[in-house]
PDB file of N, CA and C in Angstrom:
ATOM      1  N   MET A   1      23.984  41.880  29.647  1.00  0.00           N
ATOM      2  CA  MET A   1      23.370  40.647  30.050  1.00  0.00           C
ATOM      3  C   MET A   1      24.470  39.621  30.325  1.00  0.00           C
ATOM      4  N   GLU A   2      24.344  38.919  31.388  1.00  0.00           N
ATOM      5  CA  GLU A   2      25.285  37.869  31.756  1.00  0.00           C
ATOM      6  C   GLU A   2      25.023  36.628  30.898  1.00  0.00           C
ATOM      7  N   THR A   3      26.093  36.028  30.371  1.00  0.00           N
ATOM      8  CA  THR A   3      25.949  34.802  29.610  1.00  0.00           C
ATOM      9  C   THR A   3      26.856  33.737  30.207  1.00  0.00           C
ATOM     10  N   TYR A   4      26.562  32.514  29.880  1.00  0.00           N
ATOM     11  CA  TYR A   4      27.358  31.393  30.377  1.00  0.00           C
ATOM     12  C   TYR A   4      28.770  31.438  29.803  1.00  0.00           C
ATOM     13  N   TYR A   5      28.884  31.758  28.536  1.00  0.00           N
ATOM     14  CA  TYR A   5      30.185  31.848  27.881  1.00  0.00           C
ATOM     15  C   TYR A   5      30.697  33.269  27.956  1.00  0.00           C
ATOM     16  N   LYS A   6      31.896  33.418  28.449  1.00  0.00           N
ATOM     17  CA  LYS A   6      32.512  34.732  28.571  1.00  0.00           C
ATOM     18  C   LYS A   6      33.732  34.774  27.661  1.00  0.00           C
ATOM     19  N   PRO A   7      33.742  35.687  26.689  1.00  0.00           N
ATOM     20  CA  PRO A   7      34.867  35.748  25.745  1.00  0.00           C
ATOM     21  C   PRO A   7      36.232  35.827  26.434  1.00  0.00           C
ATOM     22  N   GLU A   8      36.303  36.492  27.553  1.00  0.00           N
ATOM     23  CA  GLU A   8      37.595  36.618  28.241  1.00  0.00           C
ATOM     24  C   GLU A   8      38.113  35.277  28.767  1.00  0.00           C
ATOM     25  N   ASP A   9      37.217  34.288  28.916  1.00  0.00           N
ATOM     26  CA  ASP A   9      37.655  32.971  29.368  1.00  0.00           C
ATOM     27  C   ASP A   9      38.536  32.278  28.343  1.00  0.00           C
ATOM     28  N   LEU A  10      38.381  32.614  27.063  1.00  0.00           N
ATOM     29  CA  LEU A  10      39.214  32.026  26.023  1.00  0.00           C
ATOM     30  C   LEU A  10      40.689  32.310  26.291  1.00  0.00           C
ATOM     31  N   LEU A  11      40.968  33.485  26.828  1.00  0.00           N
ATOM     32  CA  LEU A  11      42.358  33.851  27.134  1.00  0.00           C
ATOM     33  C   LEU A  11      42.938  33.029  28.286  1.00  0.00           C
ATOM     34  N   LYS A  12      42.078  32.340  29.029  1.00  0.00           N
ATOM     35  CA  LYS A  12      42.513  31.519  30.163  1.00  0.00           C
ATOM     36  C   LYS A  12      42.707  30.047  29.784  1.00  0.00           C
ATOM     37  N   PHE A  13      42.588  29.733  28.488  1.00  0.00           N
ATOM     38  CA  PHE A  13      42.630  28.342  28.032  1.00  0.00           C
ATOM     39  C   PHE A  13      43.854  27.591  28.553  1.00  0.00           C
ATOM     40  N   GLU A  14      44.994  28.211  28.508  1.00  0.00           N
ATOM     41  CA  GLU A  14      46.220  27.531  28.943  1.00  0.00           C
ATOM     42  C   GLU A  14      46.226  27.213  30.431  1.00  0.00           C
ATOM     43  N   GLU A  15      45.377  27.879  31.201  1.00  0.00           N
ATOM     44  CA  GLU A  15      45.289  27.592  32.630  1.00  0.00           C
ATOM     45  C   GLU A  15      44.702  26.210  32.911  1.00  0.00           C
ATOM     46  N   ILE A  16      44.131  25.586  31.884  1.00  0.00           N
ATOM     47  CA  ILE A  16      43.514  24.282  32.064  1.00  0.00           C
ATOM     48  C   ILE A  16      44.540  23.248  32.542  1.00  0.00           C
ATOM     49  N   GLY A  17      45.810  23.518  32.329  1.00  0.00           N
ATOM     50  CA  GLY A  17      46.855  22.599  32.739  1.00  0.00           C
ATOM     51  C   GLY A  17      47.420  22.849  34.117  1.00  0.00           C
ATOM     52  N   LYS A  18      46.844  23.764  34.843  1.00  0.00           N
ATOM     53  CA  LYS A  18      47.388  24.139  36.148  1.00  0.00           C
ATOM     54  C   LYS A  18      47.542  22.941  37.085  1.00  0.00           C
ATOM     55  N   GLU A  19      46.534  22.091  37.149  1.00  0.00           N
ATOM     56  CA  GLU A  19      46.567  20.963  38.085  1.00  0.00           C
ATOM     57  C   GLU A  19      47.248  19.726  37.505  1.00  0.00           C
ATOM     58  N   VAL A  20      47.236  19.582  36.183  1.00  0.00           N
ATOM     59  CA  VAL A  20      47.824  18.411  35.535  1.00  0.00           C
ATOM     60  C   VAL A  20      48.677  18.898  34.355  1.00  0.00           C
ATOM     61  N   PRO A  21      49.804  19.533  34.660  1.00  0.00           N
ATOM     62  CA  PRO A  21      50.601  20.177  33.608  1.00  0.00           C
ATOM     63  C   PRO A  21      51.150  19.211  32.555  1.00  0.00           C
ATOM     64  N   GLU A  22      51.452  17.985  32.938  1.00  0.00           N
ATOM     65  CA  GLU A  22      52.024  17.063  31.958  1.00  0.00           C
ATOM     66  C   GLU A  22      51.013  16.695  30.859  1.00  0.00           C
ATOM     67  N   LEU A  23      49.742  16.573  31.216  1.00  0.00           N
ATOM     68  CA  LEU A  23      48.729  16.275  30.204  1.00  0.00           C
ATOM     69  C   LEU A  23      48.456  17.501  29.330  1.00  0.00           C
ATOM     70  N   ALA A  24      48.409  18.658  29.954  1.00  0.00           N
ATOM     71  CA  ALA A  24      48.193  19.883  29.188  1.00  0.00           C
ATOM     72  C   ALA A  24      49.340  20.101  28.208  1.00  0.00           C
ATOM     73  N   LYS A  25      50.554  19.860  28.654  1.00  0.00           N
ATOM     74  CA  LYS A  25      51.725  20.022  27.785  1.00  0.00           C
ATOM     75  C   LYS A  25      51.599  19.133  26.555  1.00  0.00           C
ATOM     76  N   LYS A  26      51.201  17.887  26.767  1.00  0.00           N
ATOM     77  CA  LYS A  26      51.042  16.958  25.641  1.00  0.00           C
ATOM     78  C   LYS A  26      49.942  17.427  24.704  1.00  0.00           C
ATOM     79  N   PHE A  27      48.835  17.879  25.272  1.00  0.00           N
ATOM     80  CA  PHE A  27      47.743  18.361  24.434  1.00  0.00           C
ATOM     81  C   PHE A  27      48.191  19.550  23.610  1.00  0.00           C
ATOM     82  N   PHE A  28      48.813  20.545  24.239  1.00  0.00           N
ATOM     83  CA  PHE A  28      49.198  21.759  23.525  1.00  0.00           C
ATOM     84  C   PHE A  28      50.292  21.492  22.487  1.00  0.00           C
ATOM     85  N   GLU A  29      51.178  20.524  22.749  1.00  0.00           N
ATOM     86  CA  GLU A  29      52.176  20.140  21.743  1.00  0.00           C
ATOM     87  C   GLU A  29      51.472  19.530  20.531  1.00  0.00           C
ATOM     88  N   TYR A  30      50.523  18.629  20.793  1.00  0.00           N
ATOM     89  CA  TYR A  30      49.764  18.003  19.713  1.00  0.00           C
ATOM     90  C   TYR A  30      48.967  19.052  18.944  1.00  0.00           C
ATOM     91  N   TYR A  31      48.299  19.917  19.666  1.00  0.00           N
ATOM     92  CA  TYR A  31      47.484  20.978  19.078  1.00  0.00           C
ATOM     93  C   TYR A  31      48.336  21.845  18.157  1.00  0.00           C
ATOM     94  N   GLY A  32      49.497  22.225  18.639  1.00  0.00           N
ATOM     95  CA  GLY A  32      50.405  23.038  17.837  1.00  0.00           C
ATOM     96  C   GLY A  32      50.865  22.317  16.582  1.00  0.00           C
ATOM     97  N   ALA A  33      51.157  21.030  16.711  1.00  0.00           N
ATOM     98  CA  ALA A  33      51.600  20.252  15.558  1.00  0.00           C
ATOM     99  C   ALA A  33      50.473  20.109  14.534  1.00  0.00           C
ATOM    100  N   VAL A  34      49.267  19.902  15.008  1.00  0.00           N
ATOM    101  CA  VAL A  34      48.119  19.750  14.104  1.00  0.00           C
ATOM    102  C   VAL A  34      47.917  21.007  13.262  1.00  0.00           C
ATOM    103  N   PHE A  35      48.053  22.168  13.864  1.00  0.00           N
ATOM    104  CA  PHE A  35      47.767  23.421  13.162  1.00  0.00           C
ATOM    105  C   PHE A  35      48.972  24.019  12.451  1.00  0.00           C
ATOM    106  N   ALA A  36      50.111  23.338  12.514  1.00  0.00           N
ATOM    107  CA  ALA A  36      51.293  23.802  11.779  1.00  0.00           C
ATOM    108  C   ALA A  36      51.112  23.516  10.288  1.00  0.00           C
ATOM    109  N   GLU A  37      51.783  24.296   9.474  1.00  0.00           N
ATOM    110  CA  GLU A  37      51.766  24.097   8.022  1.00  0.00           C
ATOM    111  C   GLU A  37      52.182  22.664   7.704  1.00  0.00           C
ATOM    112  N   GLY A  38      51.452  22.013   6.846  1.00  0.00           N
ATOM    113  CA  GLY A  38      51.763  20.639   6.426  1.00  0.00           C
ATOM    114  C   GLY A  38      51.241  20.452   5.015  1.00  0.00           C
ATOM    115  N   GLU A  39      50.580  19.352   4.770  1.00  0.00           N
ATOM    116  CA  GLU A  39      49.944  19.141   3.467  1.00  0.00           C
ATOM    117  C   GLU A  39      48.839  20.176   3.254  1.00  0.00           C
ATOM    118  N   LEU A  40      48.221  20.605   4.334  1.00  0.00           N
ATOM    119  CA  LEU A  40      47.252  21.700   4.300  1.00  0.00           C
ATOM    120  C   LEU A  40      47.930  22.958   4.813  1.00  0.00           C
ATOM    121  N   THR A  41      47.538  24.085   4.278  1.00  0.00           N
ATOM    122  CA  THR A  41      48.086  25.348   4.769  1.00  0.00           C
ATOM    123  C   THR A  41      47.453  25.675   6.125  1.00  0.00           C
ATOM    124  N   GLU A  42      48.086  26.572   6.852  1.00  0.00           N
ATOM    125  CA  GLU A  42      47.508  27.024   8.119  1.00  0.00           C
ATOM    126  C   GLU A  42      46.150  27.675   7.875  1.00  0.00           C
ATOM    127  N   ARG A  43      46.004  28.355   6.763  1.00  0.00           N
ATOM    128  CA  ARG A  43      44.736  28.996   6.416  1.00  0.00           C
ATOM    129  C   ARG A  43      43.645  27.953   6.198  1.00  0.00           C
ATOM    130  N   GLU A  44      43.962  26.897   5.459  1.00  0.00           N
ATOM    131  CA  GLU A  44      42.992  25.825   5.220  1.00  0.00           C
ATOM    132  C   GLU A  44      42.600  25.140   6.521  1.00  0.00           C
ATOM    133  N   LYS A  45      43.570  24.897   7.374  1.00  0.00           N
ATOM    134  CA  LYS A  45      43.288  24.256   8.662  1.00  0.00           C
ATOM    135  C   LYS A  45      42.401  25.138   9.530  1.00  0.00           C
ATOM    136  N   ALA A  46      42.631  26.441   9.494  1.00  0.00           N
ATOM    137  CA  ALA A  46      41.797  27.362  10.271  1.00  0.00           C
ATOM    138  C   ALA A  46      40.360  27.348   9.760  1.00  0.00           C
ATOM    139  N   LEU A  47      40.171  27.287   8.441  1.00  0.00           N
ATOM    140  CA  LEU A  47      38.813  27.209   7.877  1.00  0.00           C
ATOM    141  C   LEU A  47      38.122  25.909   8.284  1.00  0.00           C
ATOM    142  N   ILE A  48      38.855  24.798   8.256  1.00  0.00           N
ATOM    143  CA  ILE A  48      38.290  23.521   8.700  1.00  0.00           C
ATOM    144  C   ILE A  48      37.897  23.621  10.167  1.00  0.00           C
ATOM    145  N   ALA A  49      38.788  24.164  10.975  1.00  0.00           N
ATOM    146  CA  ALA A  49      38.521  24.292  12.407  1.00  0.00           C
ATOM    147  C   ALA A  49      37.315  25.190  12.670  1.00  0.00           C
ATOM    148  N   LEU A  50      37.179  26.254  11.903  1.00  0.00           N
ATOM    149  CA  LEU A  50      36.026  27.139  12.065  1.00  0.00           C
ATOM    150  C   LEU A  50      34.733  26.385  11.763  1.00  0.00           C
ATOM    151  N   ALA A  51      34.748  25.602  10.698  1.00  0.00           N
ATOM    152  CA  ALA A  51      33.557  24.821  10.347  1.00  0.00           C
ATOM    153  C   ALA A  51      33.230  23.817  11.447  1.00  0.00           C
ATOM    154  N   VAL A  52      34.232  23.094  11.921  1.00  0.00           N
ATOM    155  CA  VAL A  52      34.016  22.105  12.980  1.00  0.00           C
ATOM    156  C   VAL A  52      33.532  22.794  14.264  1.00  0.00           C
ATOM    157  N   ALA A  53      34.068  23.967  14.550  1.00  0.00           N
ATOM    158  CA  ALA A  53      33.638  24.717  15.736  1.00  0.00           C
ATOM    159  C   ALA A  53      32.141  24.976  15.699  1.00  0.00           C
ATOM    160  N   HIS A  54      31.621  25.237  14.508  1.00  0.00           N
ATOM    161  CA  HIS A  54      30.178  25.433  14.373  1.00  0.00           C
ATOM    162  C   HIS A  54      29.426  24.122  14.560  1.00  0.00           C
ATOM    163  N   ALA A  55      29.992  23.029  14.067  1.00  0.00           N
ATOM    164  CA  ALA A  55      29.333  21.729  14.207  1.00  0.00           C
ATOM    165  C   ALA A  55      29.249  21.313  15.674  1.00  0.00           C
ATOM    166  N   VAL A  56      30.322  21.558  16.428  1.00  0.00           N
ATOM    167  CA  VAL A  56      30.319  21.178  17.846  1.00  0.00           C
ATOM    168  C   VAL A  56      29.773  22.293  18.734  1.00  0.00           C
ATOM    169  N   GLN A  57      29.458  23.418  18.117  1.00  0.00           N
ATOM    170  CA  GLN A  57      28.831  24.572  18.768  1.00  0.00           C
ATOM    171  C   GLN A  57      29.632  25.089  19.963  1.00  0.00           C
ATOM    172  N   CYS A  58      30.923  25.303  19.716  1.00  0.00           N
ATOM    173  CA  CYS A  58      31.811  25.839  20.758  1.00  0.00           C
ATOM    174  C   CYS A  58      32.043  27.326  20.504  1.00  0.00           C
ATOM    175  N   PRO A  59      31.418  28.197  21.299  1.00  0.00           N
ATOM    176  CA  PRO A  59      31.599  29.629  21.060  1.00  0.00           C
ATOM    177  C   PRO A  59      33.045  30.085  21.220  1.00  0.00           C
ATOM    178  N   TYR A  60      33.799  29.444  22.105  1.00  0.00           N
ATOM    179  CA  TYR A  60      35.204  29.811  22.258  1.00  0.00           C
ATOM    180  C   TYR A  60      35.976  29.493  20.982  1.00  0.00           C
ATOM    181  N   CYS A  61      35.715  28.324  20.416  1.00  0.00           N
ATOM    182  CA  CYS A  61      36.387  27.920  19.179  1.00  0.00           C
ATOM    183  C   CYS A  61      35.956  28.806  18.011  1.00  0.00           C
ATOM    184  N   ILE A  62      34.676  29.156  17.971  1.00  0.00           N
ATOM    185  CA  ILE A  62      34.200  30.038  16.911  1.00  0.00           C
ATOM    186  C   ILE A  62      34.940  31.364  16.989  1.00  0.00           C
ATOM    187  N   ASP A  63      35.058  31.918  18.188  1.00  0.00           N
ATOM    188  CA  ASP A  63      35.799  33.171  18.362  1.00  0.00           C
ATOM    189  C   ASP A  63      37.256  33.014  17.912  1.00  0.00           C
ATOM    190  N   ALA A  64      37.912  31.971  18.422  1.00  0.00           N
ATOM    191  CA  ALA A  64      39.341  31.785  18.157  1.00  0.00           C
ATOM    192  C   ALA A  64      39.610  31.543  16.682  1.00  0.00           C
ATOM    193  N   PHE A  65      38.800  30.715  16.040  1.00  0.00           N
ATOM    194  CA  PHE A  65      39.089  30.379  14.648  1.00  0.00           C
ATOM    195  C   PHE A  65      38.563  31.410  13.668  1.00  0.00           C
ATOM    196  N   THR A  66      37.594  32.211  14.064  1.00  0.00           N
ATOM    197  CA  THR A  66      37.228  33.362  13.235  1.00  0.00           C
ATOM    198  C   THR A  66      38.426  34.303  13.171  1.00  0.00           C
ATOM    199  N   GLN A  67      39.007  34.570  14.320  1.00  0.00           N
ATOM    200  CA  GLN A  67      40.192  35.433  14.372  1.00  0.00           C
ATOM    201  C   GLN A  67      41.347  34.814  13.597  1.00  0.00           C
ATOM    202  N   ALA A  68      41.575  33.500  13.778  1.00  0.00           N
ATOM    203  CA  ALA A  68      42.671  32.826  13.071  1.00  0.00           C
ATOM    204  C   ALA A  68      42.468  32.886  11.558  1.00  0.00           C
ATOM    205  N   CYS A  69      41.241  32.666  11.119  1.00  0.00           N
ATOM    206  CA  CYS A  69      40.956  32.727   9.676  1.00  0.00           C
ATOM    207  C   CYS A  69      41.275  34.104   9.114  1.00  0.00           C
ATOM    208  N   LEU A  70      40.840  35.129   9.814  1.00  0.00           N
ATOM    209  CA  LEU A  70      41.109  36.494   9.349  1.00  0.00           C
ATOM    210  C   LEU A  70      42.607  36.779   9.329  1.00  0.00           C
ATOM    211  N   GLU A  71      43.301  36.354  10.366  1.00  0.00           N
ATOM    212  CA  GLU A  71      44.749  36.580  10.441  1.00  0.00           C
ATOM    213  C   GLU A  71      45.500  35.848   9.338  1.00  0.00           C
ATOM    214  N   LYS A  72      44.955  34.719   8.891  1.00  0.00           N
ATOM    215  CA  LYS A  72      45.631  33.919   7.879  1.00  0.00           C
ATOM    216  C   LYS A  72      45.145  34.225   6.467  1.00  0.00           C
ATOM    217  N   GLY A  73      44.323  35.275   6.332  1.00  0.00           N
ATOM    218  CA  GLY A  73      43.959  35.755   5.011  1.00  0.00           C
ATOM    219  C   GLY A  73      42.603  35.362   4.476  1.00  0.00           C
ATOM    220  N   SER A  74      41.792  34.688   5.261  1.00  0.00           N
ATOM    221  CA  SER A  74      40.447  34.352   4.802  1.00  0.00           C
ATOM    222  C   SER A  74      39.556  35.578   4.896  1.00  0.00           C
ATOM    223  N   ASN A  75      38.474  35.540   4.144  1.00  0.00           N
ATOM    224  CA  ASN A  75      37.513  36.636   4.208  1.00  0.00           C
ATOM    225  C   ASN A  75      36.154  36.105   4.664  1.00  0.00           C
ATOM    226  N   ALA A  76      35.216  36.993   4.875  1.00  0.00           N
ATOM    227  CA  ALA A  76      33.907  36.606   5.406  1.00  0.00           C
ATOM    228  C   ALA A  76      33.183  35.638   4.477  1.00  0.00           C
ATOM    229  N   ALA A  77      33.331  35.811   3.163  1.00  0.00           N
ATOM    230  CA  ALA A  77      32.661  34.915   2.213  1.00  0.00           C
ATOM    231  C   ALA A  77      33.202  33.487   2.340  1.00  0.00           C
ATOM    232  N   GLU A  78      34.510  33.349   2.452  1.00  0.00           N
ATOM    233  CA  GLU A  78      35.110  32.010   2.599  1.00  0.00           C
ATOM    234  C   GLU A  78      34.681  31.367   3.913  1.00  0.00           C
ATOM    235  N   MET A  79      34.695  32.150   4.976  1.00  0.00           N
ATOM    236  CA  MET A  79      34.311  31.608   6.279  1.00  0.00           C
ATOM    237  C   MET A  79      32.840  31.200   6.282  1.00  0.00           C
ATOM    238  N   THR A  80      32.003  32.019   5.663  1.00  0.00           N
ATOM    239  CA  THR A  80      30.580  31.703   5.589  1.00  0.00           C
ATOM    240  C   THR A  80      30.360  30.431   4.774  1.00  0.00           C
ATOM    241  N   GLU A  81      31.096  30.286   3.688  1.00  0.00           N
ATOM    242  CA  GLU A  81      30.970  29.076   2.876  1.00  0.00           C
ATOM    243  C   GLU A  81      31.390  27.841   3.677  1.00  0.00           C
ATOM    244  N   ALA A  82      32.442  27.964   4.467  1.00  0.00           N
ATOM    245  CA  ALA A  82      32.877  26.850   5.321  1.00  0.00           C
ATOM    246  C   ALA A  82      31.779  26.461   6.304  1.00  0.00           C
ATOM    247  N   VAL A  83      31.091  27.452   6.853  1.00  0.00           N
ATOM    248  CA  VAL A  83      29.989  27.173   7.776  1.00  0.00           C
ATOM    249  C   VAL A  83      28.847  26.472   7.037  1.00  0.00           C
ATOM    250  N   HIS A  84      28.598  26.861   5.794  1.00  0.00           N
ATOM    251  CA  HIS A  84      27.559  26.184   5.009  1.00  0.00           C
ATOM    252  C   HIS A  84      27.948  24.741   4.701  1.00  0.00           C
ATOM    253  N   VAL A  85      29.217  24.492   4.446  1.00  0.00           N
ATOM    254  CA  VAL A  85      29.666  23.121   4.188  1.00  0.00           C
ATOM    255  C   VAL A  85      29.392  22.252   5.407  1.00  0.00           C
ATOM    256  N   VAL A  86      29.786  22.715   6.570  1.00  0.00           N
ATOM    257  CA  VAL A  86      29.573  21.902   7.775  1.00  0.00           C
ATOM    258  C   VAL A  86      28.086  21.749   8.077  1.00  0.00           C
ATOM    259  N   THR A  87      27.298  22.759   7.760  1.00  0.00           N
ATOM    260  CA  THR A  87      25.854  22.670   7.967  1.00  0.00           C
ATOM    261  C   THR A  87      25.248  21.607   7.062  1.00  0.00           C
ATOM    262  N   ALA A  88      25.701  21.549   5.814  1.00  0.00           N
ATOM    263  CA  ALA A  88      25.203  20.533   4.889  1.00  0.00           C
ATOM    264  C   ALA A  88      25.570  19.130   5.364  1.00  0.00           C
ATOM    265  N   ILE A  89      26.800  18.969   5.835  1.00  0.00           N
ATOM    266  CA  ILE A  89      27.235  17.658   6.327  1.00  0.00           C
ATOM    267  C   ILE A  89      26.458  17.272   7.576  1.00  0.00           C
ATOM    268  N   ARG A  90      26.330  18.204   8.516  1.00  0.00           N
ATOM    269  CA  ARG A  90      25.618  17.915   9.768  1.00  0.00           C
ATOM    270  C   ARG A  90      24.145  17.629   9.491  1.00  0.00           C
ATOM    271  N   GLY A  91      23.535  18.417   8.602  1.00  0.00           N
ATOM    272  CA  GLY A  91      22.139  18.186   8.253  1.00  0.00           C
ATOM    273  C   GLY A  91      21.951  16.853   7.554  1.00  0.00           C
ATOM    274  N   GLY A  92      22.855  16.541   6.632  1.00  0.00           N
ATOM    275  CA  GLY A  92      22.780  15.258   5.929  1.00  0.00           C
ATOM    276  C   GLY A  92      22.957  14.085   6.874  1.00  0.00           C
ATOM    277  N   ALA A  93      23.857  14.229   7.831  1.00  0.00           N
ATOM    278  CA  ALA A  93      24.076  13.163   8.812  1.00  0.00           C
ATOM    279  C   ALA A  93      22.820  12.929   9.648  1.00  0.00           C
ATOM    280  N   SER A  94      22.138  14.000  10.002  1.00  0.00           N
ATOM    281  CA  SER A  94      20.889  13.859  10.750  1.00  0.00           C
ATOM    282  C   SER A  94      19.828  13.177   9.898  1.00  0.00           C
ATOM    283  N   LEU A  95      19.712  13.601   8.648  1.00  0.00           N
ATOM    284  CA  LEU A  95      18.697  13.024   7.771  1.00  0.00           C
ATOM    285  C   LEU A  95      18.943  11.553   7.472  1.00  0.00           C
ATOM    286  N   VAL A  96      20.187  11.180   7.215  1.00  0.00           N
ATOM    287  CA  VAL A  96      20.461   9.786   6.880  1.00  0.00           C
ATOM    288  C   VAL A  96      20.163   8.868   8.063  1.00  0.00           C
ATOM    289  N   HIS A  97      20.262   9.394   9.281  1.00  0.00           N
ATOM    290  CA  HIS A  97      19.886   8.585  10.443  1.00  0.00           C
ATOM    291  C   HIS A  97      18.381   8.359  10.498  1.00  0.00           C
ATOM    292  N   GLY A  98      17.639   9.129   9.707  1.00  0.00           N
ATOM    293  CA  GLY A  98      16.204   8.878   9.593  1.00  0.00           C
ATOM    294  C   GLY A  98      15.909   7.511   9.010  1.00  0.00           C
ATOM    295  N   ILE A  99      16.851   6.936   8.268  1.00  0.00           N
ATOM    296  CA  ILE A  99      16.685   5.578   7.743  1.00  0.00           C
ATOM    297  C   ILE A  99      16.590   4.592   8.902  1.00  0.00           C
ATOM    298  N   GLN A 100      17.379   4.816   9.947  1.00  0.00           N
ATOM    299  CA  GLN A 100      17.306   3.965  11.141  1.00  0.00           C
ATOM    300  C   GLN A 100      15.898   4.018  11.729  1.00  0.00           C
ATOM    301  N   MET A 101      15.349   5.215  11.824  1.00  0.00           N
ATOM    302  CA  MET A 101      13.992   5.381  12.333  1.00  0.00           C
ATOM    303  C   MET A 101      13.000   4.633  11.453  1.00  0.00           C
ATOM    304  N   ARG A 102      13.156   4.764  10.147  1.00  0.00           N
ATOM    305  CA  ARG A 102      12.232   4.096   9.224  1.00  0.00           C
ATOM    306  C   ARG A 102      12.345   2.579   9.342  1.00  0.00           C
ATOM    307  N   ASN A 103      13.579   2.082   9.469  1.00  0.00           N
ATOM    308  CA  ASN A 103      13.771   0.637   9.622  1.00  0.00           C
ATOM    309  C   ASN A 103      13.060   0.111  10.864  1.00  0.00           C
ATOM    310  N   ILE A 104      13.199   0.809  11.974  1.00  0.00           N
ATOM    311  CA  ILE A 104      12.547   0.392  13.228  1.00  0.00           C
ATOM    312  C   ILE A 104      11.029   0.503  13.094  1.00  0.00           C
ATOM    313  N   ALA A 105      10.568   1.629  12.529  1.00  0.00           N
ATOM    314  CA  ALA A 105       9.126   1.803  12.364  1.00  0.00           C
ATOM    315  C   ALA A 105       8.541   0.717  11.460  1.00  0.00           C
ATOM    316  N   ASP A 106       9.230   0.399  10.364  1.00  0.00           N
ATOM    317  CA  ASP A 106       8.761  -0.663   9.464  1.00  0.00           C
ATOM    318  C   ASP A 106       8.725  -1.999  10.186  1.00  0.00           C
ATOM    319  N   LYS A 107       9.745  -2.302  10.951  1.00  0.00           N
ATOM    320  CA  LYS A 107       9.824  -3.562  11.684  1.00  0.00           C
ATOM    321  C   LYS A 107       8.707  -3.686  12.706  1.00  0.00           C
ATOM    322  N   LEU A 108       8.456  -2.598  13.451  1.00  0.00           N
ATOM    323  CA  LEU A 108       7.427  -2.631  14.487  1.00  0.00           C
ATOM    324  C   LEU A 108       6.012  -2.566  13.914  1.00  0.00           C
ATOM    325  N   SER A 109       5.882  -2.091  12.704  1.00  0.00           N
ATOM    326  CA  SER A 109       4.577  -1.961  12.072  1.00  0.00           C
ATOM    327  C   SER A 109       4.098  -3.247  11.426  1.00  0.00           C
ATOM    328  N   MET A 110       4.961  -4.221  11.332  1.00  0.00           N
ATOM    329  CA  MET A 110       4.592  -5.465  10.652  1.00  0.00           C
ATOM    330  C   MET A 110       3.554  -6.228  11.385  1.00  0.00           C
TER     331      MET A 110
END
């Protein structure tokens, strides 16, 4: 079945700079610096990125960071827990915005 997202397109990511190489260079330098070992380990950063990939629903990022997590020593249980953490945050963020709805409904109901 044909899908909009093609896993092989992930391998073409660096081609995004073909027309504007100076901006792509800056992005990839920043990207590399962000994911380098620092106060957080590369493994921890990959787990964070995997969770965020689920929040922003990027299948390319999910593929890339699932692989990165495995390469950096994470296991399926850790990755699944990271996905649950982001789900709790995303769900909570949606629910807390329900207060905005209630405030408007209360105001208009007066």
